[in-house]
Amino acid sequence: MNQARADVAAETGLMRVPSERISRLMDLVAELSLSVAETVRSPDLDGLELSHFETAVHRLMMIVHEVQDAATDMRLVAIDDVFKRLRRMVRELERQTGKKIDIQTIGAETQIDKLVADRLYDPLLHVLRNAADHGLEPPDERLAAGKSDTGLIRLTAAQVGSEVRITVEDDGRGLNRKRILAKARERGFFAEDEEPEPAVLWKVIFKDGFSTAETVSNLSGRGVGMDVLNTTMTALRRRILVDSQEGNGTRVALHIPVSLAFLDCIILRLAGQLFAVPIDVVSEILKPDARQLAGISAQNGAEVYLWRNGSIPVCRLTEFFEGMDTKNRTHQSGQQVIIVFQTANGPLAIPVDEILDRQQVVMKPLTGRLAQVRASYGCALLGNGDVALVLDCERLVQREGSA
């Protein structure tokens, strides 16, 4: 059959279309969105009296958004395909480890971008291997601890806002804080007298080559598995959260965008620079008074914002991103707007000069030297032709916490 033709299953009405075609369609839809926005906002229209123009523009933009959503939906697949492959691997893990393993899956019908799904299998397999090899105890050890002789691994997927959250949980022995901290100190990640919080300590397991295994097996011990997961998640512009209780198992949660093409954002301006933030992480937008923005934390001397009978850390982008021009600013500090973000480590306040707009933006990754830009998912192409940096607030709050 000619490769250019689509295979049609008459009994189901389904068509098999190469993913390259769908990706090409999404690129064209993105260009269409930018072209329409650039046209309707053209300065050539200023001062013209165009009857019914606003109504026509509103309808056109609604149609463009519907086309974007339809194109995005075409590339969504159920994550069950990934889960099925992982379930088959568990049988092999049982044979290799000599342990009894029960795997449960929840939310297998959850939809995710096929480009994301294609990249998830290997990282999730590494997490499963770690759970089977390091997390779950042998049957006799589990019985002695009052557990069932069969270990449990649970795979869960759910859509929350514009994210899909995938978790891998086991009911094993949990992460060994003492051993991980000793290895981390040996590698120079922490000082000898430093006692990091669990959320900070667990992040070292994603460092390149980090492993506490005393022997190398065909499943683990080389220190590369979790690094692969971290690299993949960074490329997907999302994050990993780890929670573990010694003796009660480990939970690894992956927060992944439903689609990589479009992102609903709020556009900000600060010191002449444009930034975009995903709307689902925005908690509040406020106009503070000078006293609210002048508090000093007694714990570490960091600037905080007084908010709802408490205080939250402040991140000033002019200090985070070096080289921003603050000399010719149109807004003074006391006239700024505070935007509060909800992150995995709690709320974070960022002062900005202006809130410009809410837009569904076209996302483009940062490549080459720009890939080193900190705390960014990539760049957003706006309707007027401008480019905004898309902020990763999780990495902003991590910086504040390490200050």
Protein backbone atom coordinates (compact mmCIF):
# COMPACT_ATOMS: atom_id res chain seq x y z
CA MET A 1 0.00 0.00 0.00
CA ASN A 2 1.20 3.50 -0.81
CA GLN A 3 2.69 5.02 2.37
CA ALA A 4 0.94 8.31 1.64
CA ARG A 5 -2.45 6.66 2.02
CA ALA A 6 -4.07 6.17 5.43
CA ASP A 7 -5.19 2.69 6.50
CA VAL A 8 -8.91 2.70 7.15
CA ALA A 9 -10.68 0.18 9.37
CA ALA A 10 -14.22 0.31 7.97
CA GLU A 11 -15.79 -1.59 10.82
CA THR A 12 -14.62 0.94 13.42
CA GLY A 13 -14.31 4.13 11.38
CA LEU A 14 -10.72 4.56 12.59
CA MET A 15 -7.83 5.83 10.48
CA ARG A 16 -4.17 5.09 11.00
CA VAL A 17 -2.23 8.30 10.40
CA PRO A 18 1.56 8.69 10.77
CA SER A 19 2.46 10.75 13.83
CA GLU A 20 4.67 12.95 11.63
CA ARG A 21 1.55 14.20 9.86
CA ILE A 22 -0.13 15.12 13.12
CA SER A 23 3.00 16.91 14.31
CA ARG A 24 3.08 18.82 11.01
CA LEU A 25 -0.58 19.76 11.49
CA MET A 26 0.12 21.04 15.00
CA ASP A 27 3.01 23.14 13.72
CA LEU A 28 0.72 24.67 11.08
CA VAL A 29 -1.99 25.34 13.66
CA ALA A 30 0.59 27.10 15.81
CA GLU A 31 1.66 29.26 12.90
CA LEU A 32 -2.01 29.97 12.13
CA SER A 33 -2.60 31.09 15.70
CA LEU A 34 0.37 33.45 15.62
CA SER A 35 -0.59 34.82 12.20
CA VAL A 36 -4.18 35.52 13.25
CA ALA A 37 -3.09 37.23 16.48
CA GLU A 38 -0.53 39.33 14.60
CA THR A 39 -3.16 40.38 12.04
CA VAL A 40 -5.93 41.39 14.44
CA ARG A 41 -3.44 43.32 16.61
CA SER A 42 -1.73 45.08 13.74
CA PRO A 43 -0.95 48.76 14.42
CA ASP A 44 -2.26 49.50 10.91
CA LEU A 45 -5.76 49.05 12.35
CA ASP A 46 -5.32 51.76 14.98
CA GLY A 47 -7.78 54.61 14.56
CA LEU A 48 -9.96 52.82 12.00
CA GLU A 49 -13.67 52.60 12.61
CA LEU A 50 -14.54 49.01 11.73
CA SER A 51 -18.08 48.07 12.57
CA HIS A 52 -18.54 44.60 14.06
CA PHE A 53 -14.76 44.04 13.92
CA GLU A 54 -14.43 43.07 17.58
CA THR A 55 -17.23 40.51 17.24
CA ALA A 56 -15.61 38.97 14.19
CA VAL A 57 -12.21 38.85 15.91
CA HIS A 58 -13.70 37.19 18.99
CA ARG A 59 -15.34 34.50 16.84
CA LEU A 60 -12.15 33.96 14.83
CA MET A 61 -10.04 33.51 17.98
CA MET A 62 -12.56 31.06 19.40
CA ILE A 63 -12.35 29.00 16.21
CA VAL A 64 -8.53 29.06 16.30
CA HIS A 65 -8.56 27.83 19.91
CA GLU A 66 -10.98 25.05 18.97
CA VAL A 67 -8.69 24.01 16.11
CA GLN A 68 -5.73 24.02 18.53
CA ASP A 69 -7.64 21.81 20.97
CA ALA A 70 -8.71 19.46 18.16
CA ALA A 71 -5.15 19.15 16.86
CA THR A 72 -3.87 18.50 20.37
CA ASP A 73 -6.52 15.82 20.97
CA MET A 74 -5.41 14.00 17.81
CA ARG A 75 -2.02 13.31 19.37
CA LEU A 76 -3.37 12.12 22.72
CA VAL A 77 -3.18 8.41 23.55
CA ALA A 78 -4.16 6.41 26.62
CA ILE A 79 -1.25 5.79 28.97
CA ASP A 80 -2.48 2.19 29.23
CA ASP A 81 -0.11 1.27 26.38
CA VAL A 82 2.84 2.21 28.61
CA PHE A 83 1.31 0.54 31.67
CA LYS A 84 0.75 -2.75 29.79
CA ARG A 85 4.42 -2.94 28.80
CA LEU A 86 5.45 -2.25 32.38
CA ARG A 87 3.09 -4.91 33.74
CA ARG A 88 4.72 -7.47 31.44
CA MET A 89 8.17 -6.48 32.73
CA VAL A 90 7.12 -7.11 36.34
CA ARG A 91 6.89 -10.83 35.63
CA GLU A 92 10.52 -10.72 34.47
CA LEU A 93 11.49 -8.73 37.57
CA GLU A 94 9.91 -11.41 39.76
CA ARG A 95 12.07 -14.05 38.10
CA GLN A 96 15.27 -12.00 38.38
CA THR A 97 14.81 -10.92 42.00
CA GLY A 98 13.14 -14.04 43.40
CA LYS A 99 10.48 -11.82 45.01
CA LYS A 100 6.72 -11.98 44.78
CA ILE A 101 5.37 -8.78 43.21
CA ASP A 102 1.78 -7.67 42.72
CA ILE A 103 1.36 -4.70 40.35
CA GLN A 104 -1.77 -2.56 40.35
CA THR A 105 -2.65 0.11 37.78
CA ILE A 106 -5.10 2.98 38.29
CA GLY A 107 -6.13 5.57 35.71
CA ALA A 108 -4.79 3.67 32.69
CA GLU A 109 -7.36 5.46 30.52
CA THR A 110 -5.70 8.84 31.21
CA GLN A 111 -4.79 10.64 27.97
CA ILE A 112 -1.31 12.00 27.30
CA ASP A 113 0.62 13.38 24.34
CA LYS A 114 2.02 10.49 22.28
CA LEU A 115 5.41 12.20 22.09
CA VAL A 116 5.48 12.18 25.89
CA ALA A 117 4.22 8.60 26.15
CA ASP A 118 6.95 7.37 23.78
CA ARG A 119 9.61 8.80 26.12
CA LEU A 120 8.12 7.56 29.40
CA TYR A 121 8.62 3.80 29.19
CA ASP A 122 12.38 3.65 29.84
CA PRO A 123 12.39 6.12 32.79
CA LEU A 124 9.39 4.40 34.41
CA LEU A 125 11.05 1.03 33.90
CA HIS A 126 14.07 2.29 35.86
CA VAL A 127 11.78 3.32 38.72
CA LEU A 128 10.12 -0.11 38.69
CA ARG A 129 13.48 -1.84 38.72
CA ASN A 130 14.62 0.22 41.70
CA ALA A 131 11.37 -0.56 43.51
CA ALA A 132 11.72 -4.29 42.83
CA ASP A 133 15.44 -4.55 43.56
CA HIS A 134 15.96 -2.02 46.37
CA GLY A 135 12.50 -1.21 47.70
CA LEU A 136 10.63 -4.48 48.08
CA GLU A 137 11.99 -6.89 50.68
CA PRO A 138 12.40 -10.65 50.16
CA PRO A 139 9.35 -12.68 51.28
CA ASP A 140 10.89 -13.84 54.60
CA GLU A 141 11.93 -10.29 55.51
CA ARG A 142 8.45 -8.97 54.72
CA LEU A 143 6.81 -11.66 56.87
CA ALA A 144 9.14 -10.81 59.74
CA ALA A 145 8.09 -7.16 59.43
CA GLY A 146 4.41 -8.08 59.62
CA LYS A 147 3.75 -7.56 55.91
CA SER A 148 2.37 -9.83 53.24
CA ASP A 149 5.02 -11.96 51.54
CA THR A 150 3.97 -10.38 48.22
CA GLY A 151 5.26 -6.87 47.57
CA LEU A 152 2.99 -4.26 46.04
CA ILE A 153 3.85 -1.79 43.27
CA ARG A 154 1.09 0.61 42.25
CA LEU A 155 1.10 2.63 39.01
CA THR A 156 -1.33 5.56 39.01
CA ALA A 157 -2.11 8.19 36.38
CA ALA A 158 -4.51 11.14 36.68
CA GLN A 159 -5.01 14.44 34.91
CA VAL A 160 -4.91 17.50 37.17
CA GLY A 161 -5.39 20.74 35.27
CA SER A 162 -2.96 20.84 32.36
CA GLU A 163 -0.77 18.14 33.92
CA VAL A 164 -0.79 14.37 34.03
CA ARG A 165 0.55 13.03 37.32
CA ILE A 166 2.04 9.55 37.20
CA THR A 167 3.05 7.90 40.46
CA VAL A 168 4.98 4.72 41.18
CA GLU A 169 4.47 3.52 44.76
CA ASP A 170 5.78 0.48 46.58
CA ASP A 171 5.18 -0.85 50.10
CA GLY A 172 8.80 -1.86 50.66
CA ARG A 173 11.52 -0.80 53.06
CA GLY A 174 11.70 2.82 51.90
CA LEU A 175 14.79 4.89 51.18
CA ASN A 176 17.70 4.46 53.58
CA ARG A 177 18.36 8.03 54.78
CA LYS A 178 21.57 7.12 56.61
CA ARG A 179 23.16 5.39 53.63
CA ILE A 180 22.04 8.01 51.09
CA LEU A 181 23.28 10.89 53.27
CA ALA A 182 26.65 9.20 53.80
CA LYS A 183 27.09 8.71 50.06
CA ALA A 184 25.95 12.28 49.37
CA ARG A 185 28.50 13.65 51.84
CA GLU A 186 31.16 11.47 50.24
CA ARG A 187 30.28 12.99 46.85
CA GLY A 188 30.43 16.51 48.34
CA PHE A 189 26.73 17.34 48.06
CA PHE A 190 26.42 18.11 51.79
CA ALA A 191 28.79 19.10 54.58
CA GLU A 192 29.59 16.59 57.31
CA ASP A 193 27.49 18.47 59.87
CA GLU A 194 24.62 19.23 57.50
CA GLU A 195 21.28 17.52 58.05
CA PRO A 196 19.13 18.24 54.97
CA GLU A 197 15.36 17.97 54.91
CA PRO A 198 14.06 14.73 53.33
CA ALA A 199 12.75 16.54 50.22
CA VAL A 200 16.22 18.01 49.65
CA LEU A 201 18.11 14.79 50.39
CA TRP A 202 16.02 12.58 48.08
CA LYS A 203 16.95 14.78 45.11
CA VAL A 204 20.53 13.49 45.17
CA ILE A 205 19.38 10.07 43.94
CA PHE A 206 18.87 11.74 40.53
CA LYS A 207 22.49 12.89 40.32
CA ASP A 208 24.58 11.40 37.55
CA GLY A 209 26.17 8.14 38.70
CA PHE A 210 24.71 8.29 42.23
CA SER A 211 24.13 4.84 43.76
CA THR A 212 24.26 3.33 47.24
CA ALA A 213 24.31 -0.26 45.96
CA GLU A 214 27.33 -2.22 47.17
CA THR A 215 27.17 -4.60 44.23
CA VAL A 216 26.22 -4.14 40.60
CA SER A 217 23.48 -6.36 39.17
CA ASN A 218 21.71 -6.49 35.85
CA LEU A 219 18.90 -4.46 37.46
CA SER A 220 20.68 -1.70 39.36
CA GLY A 221 23.84 -0.47 41.00
CA ARG A 222 25.34 1.48 38.12
CA GLY A 223 23.87 4.82 39.17
CA VAL A 224 22.37 5.61 35.78
CA GLY A 225 18.68 4.71 36.05
CA MET A 226 17.34 7.64 38.04
CA ASP A 227 19.62 10.01 36.13
CA VAL A 228 17.88 8.88 32.93
CA LEU A 229 14.53 9.70 34.56
CA ASN A 230 15.74 13.14 35.62
CA THR A 231 17.11 13.93 32.15
CA THR A 232 13.84 12.89 30.49
CA MET A 233 11.72 14.93 32.88
CA THR A 234 13.90 18.00 32.37
CA ALA A 235 13.47 17.66 28.61
CA LEU A 236 9.71 17.42 29.11
CA ARG A 237 9.83 20.65 31.18
CA ARG A 238 8.31 18.98 34.22
CA ARG A 239 9.36 17.78 37.66
CA ILE A 240 9.78 14.74 39.92
CA LEU A 241 8.73 14.51 43.55
CA VAL A 242 9.90 11.75 45.90
CA ASP A 243 8.38 10.83 49.25
CA SER A 244 9.60 7.96 51.39
CA GLN A 245 9.12 6.62 54.90
CA GLU A 246 11.63 4.08 56.16
CA GLY A 247 9.86 0.76 56.46
CA ASN A 248 6.72 2.02 54.69
CA GLY A 249 7.75 2.30 51.05
CA THR A 250 8.57 4.99 48.49
CA ARG A 251 6.45 7.14 46.20
CA VAL A 252 7.86 8.71 43.01
CA ALA A 253 5.52 11.21 41.33
CA LEU A 254 6.04 12.56 37.82
CA HIS A 255 4.27 15.80 36.85
CA ILE A 256 4.02 15.98 33.06
CA PRO A 257 2.21 18.35 30.66
CA VAL A 258 -0.76 16.86 28.81
CA SER A 259 0.52 18.47 25.60
CA LEU A 260 3.89 19.89 24.58
CA ALA A 261 2.56 22.21 21.88
CA PHE A 262 0.37 24.86 23.51
CA LEU A 263 0.30 26.36 26.97
CA ASP A 264 -2.29 28.61 28.62
CA CYS A 265 -0.22 31.40 30.20
CA ILE A 266 -0.32 34.77 31.91
CA ILE A 267 2.10 37.25 30.31
CA LEU A 268 4.18 39.42 32.66
CA ARG A 269 6.55 42.33 32.16
CA LEU A 270 9.48 43.18 34.43
CA ALA A 271 12.25 45.65 33.66
CA GLY A 272 11.32 45.59 29.99
CA GLN A 273 11.51 41.79 29.78
CA LEU A 274 8.54 39.54 29.00
CA PHE A 275 7.83 36.39 30.98
CA ALA A 276 5.06 33.80 30.74
CA VAL A 277 3.81 31.51 33.50
CA PRO A 278 1.40 28.55 33.16
CA ILE A 279 -1.95 29.73 34.46
CA ASP A 280 -2.57 26.58 36.50
CA VAL A 281 0.25 27.45 38.95
CA VAL A 282 -1.01 30.99 39.62
CA SER A 283 -2.69 31.29 43.01
CA GLU A 284 -3.32 35.04 43.34
CA ILE A 285 -2.47 38.41 41.80
CA LEU A 286 -2.26 41.24 44.32
CA LYS A 287 -1.37 44.91 44.66
CA PRO A 288 0.72 45.10 47.86
CA ASP A 289 1.54 48.10 49.98
CA ALA A 290 5.12 48.99 50.89
CA ARG A 291 4.95 47.40 54.33
CA GLN A 292 3.85 44.04 52.98
CA LEU A 293 6.86 43.85 50.69
CA ALA A 294 9.43 44.96 53.24
CA GLY A 295 9.39 42.09 55.74
CA ILE A 296 12.62 40.33 56.68
CA SER A 297 12.49 36.72 57.77
CA ALA A 298 14.05 36.11 61.16
CA GLN A 299 15.11 32.60 60.14
CA ASN A 300 17.46 33.28 57.25
CA GLY A 301 17.34 37.00 56.47
CA ALA A 302 15.51 36.43 53.17
CA GLU A 303 12.89 38.84 51.88
CA VAL A 304 9.33 37.66 52.44
CA TYR A 305 5.83 38.81 51.56
CA LEU A 306 3.25 39.09 54.35
CA TRP A 307 0.31 37.05 53.08
CA ARG A 308 -2.79 35.76 54.83
CA ASN A 309 -1.50 36.09 58.38
CA GLY A 310 1.76 34.48 57.39
CA SER A 311 4.78 35.07 55.19
CA ILE A 312 6.03 33.52 51.97
CA PRO A 313 9.42 33.83 50.25
CA VAL A 314 9.96 36.46 47.57
CA CYS A 315 11.95 35.79 44.41
CA ARG A 316 13.09 38.89 42.50
CA LEU A 317 13.67 37.98 38.88
CA THR A 318 16.00 40.95 38.44
CA GLU A 319 18.38 39.21 40.84
CA PHE A 320 17.75 35.68 39.60
CA PHE A 321 18.43 36.48 35.94
CA GLU A 322 21.66 38.42 35.65
CA GLY A 323 21.95 41.25 33.17
CA MET A 324 18.37 42.52 33.34
CA ASP A 325 18.24 46.29 32.77
CA THR A 326 16.68 47.92 35.85
CA LYS A 327 17.77 51.51 35.13
CA ASN A 328 14.93 52.66 32.88
CA ARG A 329 12.00 50.99 34.59
CA THR A 330 8.56 52.53 34.23
CA HIS A 331 7.37 51.09 37.56
CA GLN A 332 8.89 51.73 40.96
CA SER A 333 9.12 48.98 43.55
CA GLY A 334 6.14 50.32 45.49
CA GLN A 335 3.98 50.26 42.34
CA GLN A 336 4.63 46.65 41.47
CA VAL A 337 2.15 43.80 41.33
CA ILE A 338 2.68 40.59 43.30
CA ILE A 339 1.89 37.28 41.63
CA VAL A 340 1.70 34.31 44.00
CA PHE A 341 2.48 30.84 42.68
CA GLN A 342 1.69 27.49 44.22
CA THR A 343 4.64 25.10 44.05
CA ALA A 344 5.47 21.70 45.48
CA ASN A 345 7.46 23.47 48.22
CA GLY A 346 4.75 25.98 49.07
CA PRO A 347 3.73 29.42 47.77
CA LEU A 348 6.22 31.81 46.17
CA ALA A 349 5.75 35.56 45.57
CA ILE A 350 7.26 37.30 42.54
CA PRO A 351 7.03 41.09 42.08
CA VAL A 352 6.47 42.23 38.48
CA ASP A 353 5.81 45.58 36.81
CA GLU A 354 2.72 44.60 34.84
CA ILE A 355 0.29 41.78 34.12
CA LEU A 356 -0.23 42.17 30.38
CA ASP A 357 -2.52 39.45 29.13
CA ARG A 358 -3.71 35.87 29.25
CA GLN A 359 -2.84 33.92 26.11
CA GLN A 360 -2.63 30.39 24.81
CA VAL A 361 0.98 30.49 23.64
CA VAL A 362 3.01 28.36 21.26
CA MET A 363 5.84 26.68 23.13
CA LYS A 364 9.32 26.31 21.68
CA PRO A 365 12.24 24.66 23.46
CA LEU A 366 15.44 26.53 24.20
CA THR A 367 18.34 25.02 22.29
CA GLY A 368 22.08 25.61 22.00
CA ARG A 369 23.42 28.10 24.53
CA LEU A 370 19.90 29.16 25.43
CA ALA A 371 19.29 25.70 26.86
CA GLN A 372 21.36 26.82 29.87
CA VAL A 373 18.89 29.56 30.83
CA ARG A 374 17.86 28.83 34.40
CA ALA A 375 14.35 28.12 35.66
CA SER A 376 12.78 28.06 32.21
CA TYR A 377 10.63 25.58 30.27
CA GLY A 378 11.41 27.33 26.99
CA CYS A 379 10.13 30.34 25.11
CA ALA A 380 6.60 31.40 24.22
CA LEU A 381 5.77 32.97 20.88
CA LEU A 382 3.18 35.70 21.44
CA GLY A 383 0.53 36.94 19.05
CA ASN A 384 2.28 40.26 18.43
CA GLY A 385 5.53 38.58 17.45
CA ASP A 386 7.26 39.07 20.81
CA VAL A 387 9.00 36.24 22.65
CA ALA A 388 8.55 35.60 26.38
CA LEU A 389 10.55 33.34 28.67
CA VAL A 390 8.33 30.67 30.24
CA LEU A 391 9.16 30.42 33.94
CA ASP A 392 9.52 27.13 35.83
CA CYS A 393 8.42 28.24 39.28
CA GLU A 394 9.51 24.95 40.86
CA ARG A 395 13.14 25.77 40.09
CA LEU A 396 12.67 29.36 41.23
CA VAL A 397 11.49 28.23 44.66
CA GLN A 398 14.31 25.68 44.89
CA ARG A 399 16.79 28.51 44.40
CA GLU A 400 15.10 30.50 47.16
CA GLY A 401 15.19 27.55 49.49
CA SER A 402 18.91 27.04 48.93
CA ALA A 403 19.80 30.67 49.41
